[in-house]
């Protein structure tokens, strides 16, 4: 089942569902997503107007209550570290390439740390700066290195507390493709502060206008392969195959002695080959970015 919402032009959003490729049918939000949003309809309609929604526009399929952005792909982490070095530390990158060619191994400094291998790790993103696919994106005023991240995300429809991995998966109600925009030139300095990414991430994220019910994605979420297209040319084919932890593991870890509530969004993080930094393909003014994950959704943005 597919789920979307349409801005009605007043103080309401209409939730609609599509079964098996048929007609979109109006329904109650609880019937579509399995929970009632804690936000009022008036607030959500006003929020949609703030990011430029016009009557008849598709808007966010749901408003996240919070966002936990995990990092499950080892390949993404290693390749992103190399890509960061190539742009911002070119001499070190050349030296690393020589050492790795001799040893045939990635340098330890360019691999995730021990905690990454021991448990699912995440940072808290800003749920209030999400926009839907189709809206124009601007560089933040403090950055010259705008990057994208193609991510698979999901929302839960029931509360969790000290959940088991198997039990936690049953709380997943819908999946959506997500883009985590990143200001890479300020990200590493912020993370070296010991407080995690801040302005590097919080300024903007986006998601497709359509979400997909959990039953359609859960059985094969590790087998997804998407595409990244910039200005009409396919530049990468990201995949979910190397995700170190399961979706239930993520939720079990996050819910340990902490209650999770319906409407919270969880992302597995950038897919392998899912960011421009990995392949030295940086966004520029005037670019058109398209992210696609078949069966889950599509995101497109014009970069101002």
C-alpha atoms as a PDB file:
ATOM      1  CA  UNK A   1       0.000   0.000   0.000  1.00  0.00           C
ATOM      2  CA  UNK A   2       1.216   3.500  -0.886  1.00  0.00           C
ATOM      3  CA  UNK A   3       0.441   6.534   1.254  1.00  0.00           C
ATOM      4  CA  UNK A   4       0.521  10.244   0.454  1.00  0.00           C
ATOM      5  CA  UNK A   5      -1.029  13.492   1.635  1.00  0.00           C
ATOM      6  CA  UNK A   6      -2.402  16.437  -0.337  1.00  0.00           C
ATOM      7  CA  UNK A   7      -2.579  20.049   0.853  1.00  0.00           C
ATOM      8  CA  UNK A   8      -6.206  21.127   0.564  1.00  0.00           C
ATOM      9  CA  UNK A   9      -5.625  24.876   0.457  1.00  0.00           C
ATOM     10  CA  UNK A  10      -7.118  25.582   3.867  1.00  0.00           C
ATOM     11  CA  UNK A  11      -6.099  24.231   7.257  1.00  0.00           C
ATOM     12  CA  UNK A  12      -6.302  20.567   6.304  1.00  0.00           C
ATOM     13  CA  UNK A  13      -4.228  17.838   4.680  1.00  0.00           C
ATOM     14  CA  UNK A  14      -5.974  14.917   2.992  1.00  0.00           C
ATOM     15  CA  UNK A  15      -4.424  11.466   3.528  1.00  0.00           C
ATOM     16  CA  UNK A  16      -4.885   9.045   0.630  1.00  0.00           C
ATOM     17  CA  UNK A  17      -3.865   5.425  -0.010  1.00  0.00           C
ATOM     18  CA  UNK A  18      -3.361   3.368  -3.128  1.00  0.00           C
ATOM     19  CA  UNK A  19      -3.737  -0.415  -3.215  1.00  0.00           C
ATOM     20  CA  UNK A  20      -2.194  -2.463  -6.022  1.00  0.00           C
ATOM     21  CA  UNK A  21      -1.827   0.397  -8.462  1.00  0.00           C
ATOM     22  CA  UNK A  22      -5.483   1.399  -8.261  1.00  0.00           C
ATOM     23  CA  UNK A  23      -7.037   4.800  -7.648  1.00  0.00           C
ATOM     24  CA  UNK A  24      -5.973   6.931  -4.713  1.00  0.00           C
ATOM     25  CA  UNK A  25      -8.643   6.787  -2.015  1.00  0.00           C
ATOM     26  CA  UNK A  26      -9.138   9.220   0.911  1.00  0.00           C
ATOM     27  CA  UNK A  27      -8.684   7.643   4.332  1.00  0.00           C
ATOM     28  CA  UNK A  28      -8.050   8.501   7.966  1.00  0.00           C
ATOM     29  CA  UNK A  29      -4.364   8.976   8.948  1.00  0.00           C
ATOM     30  CA  UNK A  30      -4.619   6.185  11.536  1.00  0.00           C
ATOM     31  CA  UNK A  31      -5.863   3.762   8.884  1.00  0.00           C
ATOM     32  CA  UNK A  32      -2.901   4.628   6.626  1.00  0.00           C
ATOM     33  CA  UNK A  33      -0.042   4.880   9.120  1.00  0.00           C
ATOM     34  CA  UNK A  34      -1.362   3.048  12.168  1.00  0.00           C
ATOM     35  CA  UNK A  35      -1.197   6.015  14.540  1.00  0.00           C
ATOM     36  CA  UNK A  36      -2.598   9.494  15.102  1.00  0.00           C
ATOM     37  CA  UNK A  37      -0.165  12.342  14.580  1.00  0.00           C
ATOM     38  CA  UNK A  38       0.583  14.347  17.737  1.00  0.00           C
ATOM     39  CA  UNK A  39       0.522  17.479  15.546  1.00  0.00           C
ATOM     40  CA  UNK A  40      -2.786  19.204  14.837  1.00  0.00           C
ATOM     41  CA  UNK A  41      -4.061  19.414  11.291  1.00  0.00           C
ATOM     42  CA  UNK A  42      -3.880  23.203  11.449  1.00  0.00           C
ATOM     43  CA  UNK A  43      -0.226  23.100  12.502  1.00  0.00           C
ATOM     44  CA  UNK A  44       0.719  20.615   9.776  1.00  0.00           C
ATOM     45  CA  UNK A  45      -1.088  22.632   7.112  1.00  0.00           C
ATOM     46  CA  UNK A  46       0.708  25.773   8.290  1.00  0.00           C
ATOM     47  CA  UNK A  47       4.028  23.939   8.229  1.00  0.00           C
ATOM     48  CA  UNK A  48       3.338  22.829   4.652  1.00  0.00           C
ATOM     49  CA  UNK A  49       2.663  26.422   3.645  1.00  0.00           C
ATOM     50  CA  UNK A  50       5.989  27.448   5.192  1.00  0.00           C
ATOM     51  CA  UNK A  51       7.879  25.208   2.762  1.00  0.00           C
ATOM     52  CA  UNK A  52       5.807  26.534  -0.146  1.00  0.00           C
ATOM     53  CA  UNK A  53       2.906  24.091  -0.546  1.00  0.00           C
ATOM     54  CA  UNK A  54       0.115  25.209  -2.873  1.00  0.00           C
ATOM     55  CA  UNK A  55      -3.442  23.800  -2.989  1.00  0.00           C
ATOM     56  CA  UNK A  56      -3.353  20.354  -4.590  1.00  0.00           C
ATOM     57  CA  UNK A  57       0.357  19.775  -3.884  1.00  0.00           C
ATOM     58  CA  UNK A  58       1.572  16.510  -2.413  1.00  0.00           C
ATOM     59  CA  UNK A  59       3.342  17.227   0.870  1.00  0.00           C
ATOM     60  CA  UNK A  60       5.297  15.120   3.367  1.00  0.00           C
ATOM     61  CA  UNK A  61       3.544  11.748   3.771  1.00  0.00           C
ATOM     62  CA  UNK A  62       3.889  12.268   7.540  1.00  0.00           C
ATOM     63  CA  UNK A  63       5.553  14.799   9.823  1.00  0.00           C
ATOM     64  CA  UNK A  64       8.305  13.111  11.845  1.00  0.00           C
ATOM     65  CA  UNK A  65       8.145  13.586  15.601  1.00  0.00           C
ATOM     66  CA  UNK A  66      11.896  13.006  15.838  1.00  0.00           C
ATOM     67  CA  UNK A  67      14.641  11.693  13.543  1.00  0.00           C
ATOM     68  CA  UNK A  68      17.321   9.193  14.465  1.00  0.00           C
ATOM     69  CA  UNK A  69      19.794   8.841  11.625  1.00  0.00           C
ATOM     70  CA  UNK A  70      21.836   5.653  11.979  1.00  0.00           C
ATOM     71  CA  UNK A  71      24.904   4.539  10.020  1.00  0.00           C
ATOM     72  CA  UNK A  72      24.752   0.888   8.946  1.00  0.00           C
ATOM     73  CA  UNK A  73      26.907   0.733   5.803  1.00  0.00           C
ATOM     74  CA  UNK A  74      30.601  -0.004   6.292  1.00  0.00           C
ATOM     75  CA  UNK A  75      31.287   0.671   2.616  1.00  0.00           C
ATOM     76  CA  UNK A  76      29.713   4.117   2.851  1.00  0.00           C
ATOM     77  CA  UNK A  77      31.804   5.004   5.893  1.00  0.00           C
ATOM     78  CA  UNK A  78      35.086   3.867   4.352  1.00  0.00           C
ATOM     79  CA  UNK A  79      34.463   5.402   0.938  1.00  0.00           C
ATOM     80  CA  UNK A  80      33.170   8.655   2.446  1.00  0.00           C
ATOM     81  CA  UNK A  81      36.320   8.967   4.552  1.00  0.00           C
ATOM     82  CA  UNK A  82      38.422   8.551   1.410  1.00  0.00           C
ATOM     83  CA  UNK A  83      36.256  11.076  -0.429  1.00  0.00           C
ATOM     84  CA  UNK A  84      36.593  13.621   2.373  1.00  0.00           C
ATOM     85  CA  UNK A  85      40.357  13.232   2.302  1.00  0.00           C
ATOM     86  CA  UNK A  86      40.495  13.626  -1.488  1.00  0.00           C
ATOM     87  CA  UNK A  87      38.726  16.997  -1.310  1.00  0.00           C
ATOM     88  CA  UNK A  88      39.900  18.503   1.959  1.00  0.00           C
ATOM     89  CA  UNK A  89      43.216  16.694   2.655  1.00  0.00           C
ATOM     90  CA  UNK A  90      44.640  15.892  -0.809  1.00  0.00           C
ATOM     91  CA  UNK A  91      48.236  15.286   0.319  1.00  0.00           C
ATOM     92  CA  UNK A  92      47.092  12.854   3.013  1.00  0.00           C
ATOM     93  CA  UNK A  93      44.780  11.188   0.497  1.00  0.00           C
ATOM     94  CA  UNK A  94      47.656  10.576  -1.922  1.00  0.00           C
ATOM     95  CA  UNK A  95      49.798   9.110   0.865  1.00  0.00           C
ATOM     96  CA  UNK A  96      46.935   6.902   2.022  1.00  0.00           C
ATOM     97  CA  UNK A  97      46.438   5.629  -1.524  1.00  0.00           C
ATOM     98  CA  UNK A  98      50.093   4.579  -1.697  1.00  0.00           C
ATOM     99  CA  UNK A  99      49.996   2.797   1.677  1.00  0.00           C
ATOM    100  CA  UNK A 100      46.737   1.027   0.837  1.00  0.00           C
ATOM    101  CA  UNK A 101      48.078  -0.078  -2.544  1.00  0.00           C
ATOM    102  CA  UNK A 102      51.021  -1.709  -0.785  1.00  0.00           C
ATOM    103  CA  UNK A 103      49.117  -3.248   2.146  1.00  0.00           C
ATOM    104  CA  UNK A 104      45.906  -3.945   0.186  1.00  0.00           C
ATOM    105  CA  UNK A 105      43.926  -2.820   3.221  1.00  0.00           C
ATOM    106  CA  UNK A 106      42.072   0.341   4.180  1.00  0.00           C
ATOM    107  CA  UNK A 107      43.957   2.480   6.677  1.00  0.00           C
ATOM    108  CA  UNK A 108      42.519   2.118  10.202  1.00  0.00           C
ATOM    109  CA  UNK A 109      42.080   5.903  10.348  1.00  0.00           C
ATOM    110  CA  UNK A 110      39.706   5.686   7.372  1.00  0.00           C
ATOM    111  CA  UNK A 111      37.542   2.933   8.845  1.00  0.00           C
ATOM    112  CA  UNK A 112      34.711   3.258  11.400  1.00  0.00           C
ATOM    113  CA  UNK A 113      35.774   3.107  15.042  1.00  0.00           C
ATOM    114  CA  UNK A 114      35.237   0.144  17.360  1.00  0.00           C
ATOM    115  CA  UNK A 115      31.881   1.327  18.692  1.00  0.00           C
ATOM    116  CA  UNK A 116      30.443   1.344  15.155  1.00  0.00           C
ATOM    117  CA  UNK A 117      31.120  -2.388  14.879  1.00  0.00           C
ATOM    118  CA  UNK A 118      29.750  -3.139  18.369  1.00  0.00           C
ATOM    119  CA  UNK A 119      26.355  -1.404  18.254  1.00  0.00           C
ATOM    120  CA  UNK A 120      24.083   0.601  15.936  1.00  0.00           C
ATOM    121  CA  UNK A 121      25.093   4.257  16.228  1.00  0.00           C
ATOM    122  CA  UNK A 122      23.062   7.334  15.324  1.00  0.00           C
ATOM    123  CA  UNK A 123      22.691  11.075  15.727  1.00  0.00           C
ATOM    124  CA  UNK A 124      19.520  13.106  16.222  1.00  0.00           C
ATOM    125  CA  UNK A 125      18.523  15.157  13.176  1.00  0.00           C
ATOM    126  CA  UNK A 126      16.074  18.072  12.938  1.00  0.00           C
ATOM    127  CA  UNK A 127      12.505  16.916  12.116  1.00  0.00           C
ATOM    128  CA  UNK A 128      11.333  20.493  11.495  1.00  0.00           C
ATOM    129  CA  UNK A 129      13.538  21.126   8.467  1.00  0.00           C
ATOM    130  CA  UNK A 130      12.162  18.323   6.266  1.00  0.00           C
ATOM    131  CA  UNK A 131      10.806  19.264   2.855  1.00  0.00           C
ATOM    132  CA  UNK A 132       9.080  17.038   0.296  1.00  0.00           C
ATOM    133  CA  UNK A 133      10.521  15.957  -3.025  1.00  0.00           C
ATOM    134  CA  UNK A 134      10.212  18.605  -5.710  1.00  0.00           C
ATOM    135  CA  UNK A 135      11.181  21.650  -3.662  1.00  0.00           C
ATOM    136  CA  UNK A 136      14.260  23.665  -4.603  1.00  0.00           C
ATOM    137  CA  UNK A 137      17.318  23.346  -2.351  1.00  0.00           C
ATOM    138  CA  UNK A 138      19.804  26.092  -1.523  1.00  0.00           C
ATOM    139  CA  UNK A 139      23.370  25.835  -0.266  1.00  0.00           C
ATOM    140  CA  UNK A 140      23.528  26.856   3.409  1.00  0.00           C
ATOM    141  CA  UNK A 141      25.160  30.266   3.722  1.00  0.00           C
ATOM    142  CA  UNK A 142      28.184  28.855   5.596  1.00  0.00           C
ATOM    143  CA  UNK A 143      29.074  26.000   3.236  1.00  0.00           C
ATOM    144  CA  UNK A 144      30.725  25.463  -0.132  1.00  0.00           C
ATOM    145  CA  UNK A 145      30.481  21.659  -0.035  1.00  0.00           C
ATOM    146  CA  UNK A 146      26.846  20.557  -0.302  1.00  0.00           C
ATOM    147  CA  UNK A 147      26.314  16.810  -0.464  1.00  0.00           C
ATOM    148  CA  UNK A 148      23.357  14.419  -0.604  1.00  0.00           C
ATOM    149  CA  UNK A 149      22.753  11.039   1.049  1.00  0.00           C
ATOM    150  CA  UNK A 150      20.277   8.515  -0.316  1.00  0.00           C
ATOM    151  CA  UNK A 151      18.762   6.758   2.698  1.00  0.00           C
ATOM    152  CA  UNK A 152      16.088   4.196   3.535  1.00  0.00           C
ATOM    153  CA  UNK A 153      13.953   5.323   6.481  1.00  0.00           C
ATOM    154  CA  UNK A 154      10.915   4.072   8.355  1.00  0.00           C
ATOM    155  CA  UNK A 155       8.360   5.314  10.868  1.00  0.00           C
ATOM    156  CA  UNK A 156       6.971   3.398  13.846  1.00  0.00           C
ATOM    157  CA  UNK A 157       3.275   3.217  14.666  1.00  0.00           C
ATOM    158  CA  UNK A 158       3.332   2.053  18.281  1.00  0.00           C
ATOM    159  CA  UNK A 159       5.390   2.852  21.379  1.00  0.00           C
ATOM    160  CA  UNK A 160       8.491   0.817  22.223  1.00  0.00           C
ATOM    161  CA  UNK A 161      10.403   0.467  25.473  1.00  0.00           C
ATOM    162  CA  UNK A 162      13.200  -2.047  26.088  1.00  0.00           C
ATOM    163  CA  UNK A 163      12.088  -3.799  22.913  1.00  0.00           C
ATOM    164  CA  UNK A 164      13.583  -6.985  21.522  1.00  0.00           C
ATOM    165  CA  UNK A 165      14.743  -6.867  17.899  1.00  0.00           C
ATOM    166  CA  UNK A 166      11.961  -9.204  16.760  1.00  0.00           C
ATOM    167  CA  UNK A 167       9.294  -7.357  18.688  1.00  0.00           C
ATOM    168  CA  UNK A 168      10.557  -3.977  17.539  1.00  0.00           C
ATOM    169  CA  UNK A 169      10.210  -4.804  13.848  1.00  0.00           C
ATOM    170  CA  UNK A 170       6.476  -5.308  14.350  1.00  0.00           C
ATOM    171  CA  UNK A 171       6.176  -1.617  15.264  1.00  0.00           C
ATOM    172  CA  UNK A 172       7.398  -0.464  11.833  1.00  0.00           C
ATOM    173  CA  UNK A 173       4.428   0.881   9.907  1.00  0.00           C
ATOM    174  CA  UNK A 174       5.820   2.496   6.723  1.00  0.00           C
ATOM    175  CA  UNK A 175       9.012   3.080   4.758  1.00  0.00           C
ATOM    176  CA  UNK A 176      10.111   6.150   2.828  1.00  0.00           C
ATOM    177  CA  UNK A 177      13.163   7.222   0.817  1.00  0.00           C
ATOM    178  CA  UNK A 178      14.999  10.077   2.525  1.00  0.00           C
ATOM    179  CA  UNK A 179      17.749  12.516   1.556  1.00  0.00           C
ATOM    180  CA  UNK A 180      20.047  13.812   4.276  1.00  0.00           C
ATOM    181  CA  UNK A 181      21.693  16.963   2.911  1.00  0.00           C
ATOM    182  CA  UNK A 182      25.121  17.601   4.398  1.00  0.00           C
ATOM    183  CA  UNK A 183      27.548  20.528   4.564  1.00  0.00           C
ATOM    184  CA  UNK A 184      30.729  18.474   4.446  1.00  0.00           C
ATOM    185  CA  UNK A 185      33.169  21.350   4.956  1.00  0.00           C
ATOM    186  CA  UNK A 186      31.796  21.995   8.445  1.00  0.00           C
ATOM    187  CA  UNK A 187      30.844  18.411   9.375  1.00  0.00           C
ATOM    188  CA  UNK A 188      34.222  17.018  10.453  1.00  0.00           C
ATOM    189  CA  UNK A 189      35.206  20.052  12.556  1.00  0.00           C
ATOM    190  CA  UNK A 190      31.848  19.812  14.336  1.00  0.00           C
ATOM    191  CA  UNK A 191      32.215  16.097  14.951  1.00  0.00           C
ATOM    192  CA  UNK A 192      35.732  16.573  16.307  1.00  0.00           C
ATOM    193  CA  UNK A 193      34.186  18.809  18.973  1.00  0.00           C
ATOM    194  CA  UNK A 194      32.787  15.640  20.544  1.00  0.00           C
ATOM    195  CA  UNK A 195      29.173  16.794  20.147  1.00  0.00           C
ATOM    196  CA  UNK A 196      28.341  15.262  16.768  1.00  0.00           C
ATOM    197  CA  UNK A 197      27.123  16.979  13.580  1.00  0.00           C
ATOM    198  CA  UNK A 198      25.158  20.208  14.078  1.00  0.00           C
ATOM    199  CA  UNK A 199      24.865  22.860  11.358  1.00  0.00           C
ATOM    200  CA  UNK A 200      26.393  20.324   8.985  1.00  0.00           C
ATOM    201  CA  UNK A 201      23.141  18.354   9.023  1.00  0.00           C
ATOM    202  CA  UNK A 202      20.303  20.205  10.745  1.00  0.00           C
ATOM    203  CA  UNK A 203      19.648  22.794   8.043  1.00  0.00           C
ATOM    204  CA  UNK A 204      17.721  20.492   5.651  1.00  0.00           C
ATOM    205  CA  UNK A 205      16.513  16.969   4.921  1.00  0.00           C
ATOM    206  CA  UNK A 206      13.887  15.704   2.506  1.00  0.00           C
ATOM    207  CA  UNK A 207      11.726  12.697   1.808  1.00  0.00           C
ATOM    208  CA  UNK A 208       9.574  11.385  -1.010  1.00  0.00           C
ATOM    209  CA  UNK A 209       5.946  12.468  -1.105  1.00  0.00           C
ATOM    210  CA  UNK A 210       4.892   8.804  -1.020  1.00  0.00           C
ATOM    211  CA  UNK A 211       5.459   6.306   1.806  1.00  0.00           C
ATOM    212  CA  UNK A 212       5.044   2.532   1.443  1.00  0.00           C
ATOM    213  CA  UNK A 213       3.471   0.190   3.991  1.00  0.00           C
ATOM    214  CA  UNK A 214       5.917  -1.959   5.947  1.00  0.00           C
ATOM    215  CA  UNK A 215       4.671  -5.290   4.578  1.00  0.00           C
ATOM    216  CA  UNK A 216       5.904  -4.373   1.089  1.00  0.00           C
ATOM    217  CA  UNK A 217       9.499  -3.625   2.137  1.00  0.00           C
ATOM    218  CA  UNK A 218      10.354  -5.548   5.325  1.00  0.00           C
ATOM    219  CA  UNK A 219      10.806  -8.980   3.689  1.00  0.00           C
ATOM    220  CA  UNK A 220      13.490  -7.717   1.265  1.00  0.00           C
ATOM    221  CA  UNK A 221      14.865  -4.472   2.656  1.00  0.00           C
ATOM    222  CA  UNK A 222      18.460  -5.790   2.426  1.00  0.00           C
ATOM    223  CA  UNK A 223      18.066  -6.438  -1.316  1.00  0.00           C
ATOM    224  CA  UNK A 224      17.313  -2.903  -2.508  1.00  0.00           C
ATOM    225  CA  UNK A 225      19.355  -1.147  -5.183  1.00  0.00           C
ATOM    226  CA  UNK A 226      18.741   2.410  -6.285  1.00  0.00           C
ATOM    227  CA  UNK A 227      20.182   5.050  -8.573  1.00  0.00           C
ATOM    228  CA  UNK A 228      21.581   8.542  -8.156  1.00  0.00           C
ATOM    229  CA  UNK A 229      21.143  10.746 -11.215  1.00  0.00           C
ATOM    230  CA  UNK A 230      22.598  14.240 -11.576  1.00  0.00           C
ATOM    231  CA  UNK A 231      21.618  16.330 -14.581  1.00  0.00           C
ATOM    232  CA  UNK A 232      20.259  13.250 -16.337  1.00  0.00           C
ATOM    233  CA  UNK A 233      23.351  11.062 -15.899  1.00  0.00           C
ATOM    234  CA  UNK A 234      23.415   8.080 -13.540  1.00  0.00           C
ATOM    235  CA  UNK A 235      26.435   8.577 -11.245  1.00  0.00           C
ATOM    236  CA  UNK A 236      25.923   5.791  -8.671  1.00  0.00           C
ATOM    237  CA  UNK A 237      23.875   2.699  -7.866  1.00  0.00           C
ATOM    238  CA  UNK A 238      23.528   2.587  -4.066  1.00  0.00           C
ATOM    239  CA  UNK A 239      22.448  -0.600  -2.287  1.00  0.00           C
ATOM    240  CA  UNK A 240      21.405  -1.859   1.141  1.00  0.00           C
ATOM    241  CA  UNK A 241      23.240  -5.201   1.025  1.00  0.00           C
ATOM    242  CA  UNK A 242      26.052  -4.383   3.459  1.00  0.00           C
ATOM    243  CA  UNK A 243      23.905  -3.079   6.336  1.00  0.00           C
ATOM    244  CA  UNK A 244      25.686  -4.303   9.474  1.00  0.00           C
ATOM    245  CA  UNK A 245      22.663  -4.366  11.790  1.00  0.00           C
ATOM    246  CA  UNK A 246      18.994  -5.199  11.322  1.00  0.00           C
ATOM    247  CA  UNK A 247      16.079  -2.797  11.634  1.00  0.00           C
ATOM    248  CA  UNK A 248      14.986  -4.473  14.858  1.00  0.00           C
ATOM    249  CA  UNK A 249      18.511  -4.094  16.251  1.00  0.00           C
ATOM    250  CA  UNK A 250      18.294  -0.344  15.622  1.00  0.00           C
ATOM    251  CA  UNK A 251      14.984  -0.034  17.469  1.00  0.00           C
ATOM    252  CA  UNK A 252      16.017  -2.330  20.324  1.00  0.00           C
ATOM    253  CA  UNK A 253      19.127  -0.227  20.898  1.00  0.00           C
ATOM    254  CA  UNK A 254      17.244   3.085  20.682  1.00  0.00           C
ATOM    255  CA  UNK A 255      14.484   1.886  23.026  1.00  0.00           C
ATOM    256  CA  UNK A 256      16.817   0.637  25.775  1.00  0.00           C
ATOM    257  CA  UNK A 257      15.515   2.421  28.908  1.00  0.00           C
ATOM    258  CA  UNK A 258      13.992   5.066  26.593  1.00  0.00           C
ATOM    259  CA  UNK A 259      10.433   5.180  25.296  1.00  0.00           C
ATOM    260  CA  UNK A 260       9.988   5.572  21.555  1.00  0.00           C
ATOM    261  CA  UNK A 261       6.655   6.985  20.425  1.00  0.00           C
ATOM    262  CA  UNK A 262       4.561   6.655  17.259  1.00  0.00           C
ATOM    263  CA  UNK A 263       5.661   9.020  14.524  1.00  0.00           C
ATOM    264  CA  UNK A 264       9.399   8.807  15.206  1.00  0.00           C
ATOM    265  CA  UNK A 265      11.505   8.354  12.075  1.00  0.00           C
ATOM    266  CA  UNK A 266      14.542   6.061  11.838  1.00  0.00           C
ATOM    267  CA  UNK A 267      17.005   5.964   8.948  1.00  0.00           C
ATOM    268  CA  UNK A 268      19.594   3.284   8.220  1.00  0.00           C
ATOM    269  CA  UNK A 269      21.888   6.084   7.033  1.00  0.00           C
ATOM    270  CA  UNK A 270      23.527   6.643   3.670  1.00  0.00           C
ATOM    271  CA  UNK A 271      23.532   3.529   1.516  1.00  0.00           C
ATOM    272  CA  UNK A 272      26.793   2.265   0.076  1.00  0.00           C
ATOM    273  CA  UNK A 273      27.549   4.620  -2.873  1.00  0.00           C
ATOM    274  CA  UNK A 274      24.647   6.769  -1.684  1.00  0.00           C
ATOM    275  CA  UNK A 275      26.536  10.045  -1.213  1.00  0.00           C
ATOM    276  CA  UNK A 276      28.443  12.303  -3.556  1.00  0.00           C
ATOM    277  CA  UNK A 277      31.464  12.488  -1.283  1.00  0.00           C
ATOM    278  CA  UNK A 278      32.099   8.755  -1.772  1.00  0.00           C
ATOM    279  CA  UNK A 279      32.546   9.166  -5.519  1.00  0.00           C
ATOM    280  CA  UNK A 280      33.807  12.785  -5.579  1.00  0.00           C
ATOM    281  CA  UNK A 281      30.593  13.936  -7.253  1.00  0.00           C
ATOM    282  CA  UNK A 282      29.676  17.161  -5.461  1.00  0.00           C
ATOM    283  CA  UNK A 283      26.484  19.148  -5.928  1.00  0.00           C
ATOM    284  CA  UNK A 284      26.721  22.487  -7.700  1.00  0.00           C
ATOM    285  CA  UNK A 285      24.383  25.424  -8.283  1.00  0.00           C
ATOM    286  CA  UNK A 286      21.926  24.622 -11.062  1.00  0.00           C
ATOM    287  CA  UNK A 287      22.161  20.829 -10.704  1.00  0.00           C
ATOM    288  CA  UNK A 288      19.118  18.576 -10.821  1.00  0.00           C
ATOM    289  CA  UNK A 289      19.382  15.715  -8.310  1.00  0.00           C
ATOM    290  CA  UNK A 290      17.287  12.547  -8.597  1.00  0.00           C
ATOM    291  CA  UNK A 291      17.391   9.741  -6.025  1.00  0.00           C
ATOM    292  CA  UNK A 292      15.456   6.559  -6.730  1.00  0.00           C
ATOM    293  CA  UNK A 293      14.907   3.384  -4.727  1.00  0.00           C
ATOM    294  CA  UNK A 294      12.558   1.114  -6.705  1.00  0.00           C
ATOM    295  CA  UNK A 295       9.610  -0.081  -4.687  1.00  0.00           C
ATOM    296  CA  UNK A 296      10.198   2.588  -2.032  1.00  0.00           C
ATOM    297  CA  UNK A 297      10.175   5.976  -3.721  1.00  0.00           C
ATOM    298  CA  UNK A 298      11.762   8.819  -5.624  1.00  0.00           C
ATOM    299  CA  UNK A 299      13.174  12.223  -4.676  1.00  0.00           C
ATOM    300  CA  UNK A 300      14.042  15.066  -7.020  1.00  0.00           C
ATOM    301  CA  UNK A 301      15.426  18.541  -6.265  1.00  0.00           C
ATOM    302  CA  UNK A 302      16.758  21.491  -8.198  1.00  0.00           C
ATOM    303  CA  UNK A 303      19.880  22.895  -6.525  1.00  0.00           C
ATOM    304  CA  UNK A 304      19.847  26.696  -6.491  1.00  0.00           C
END
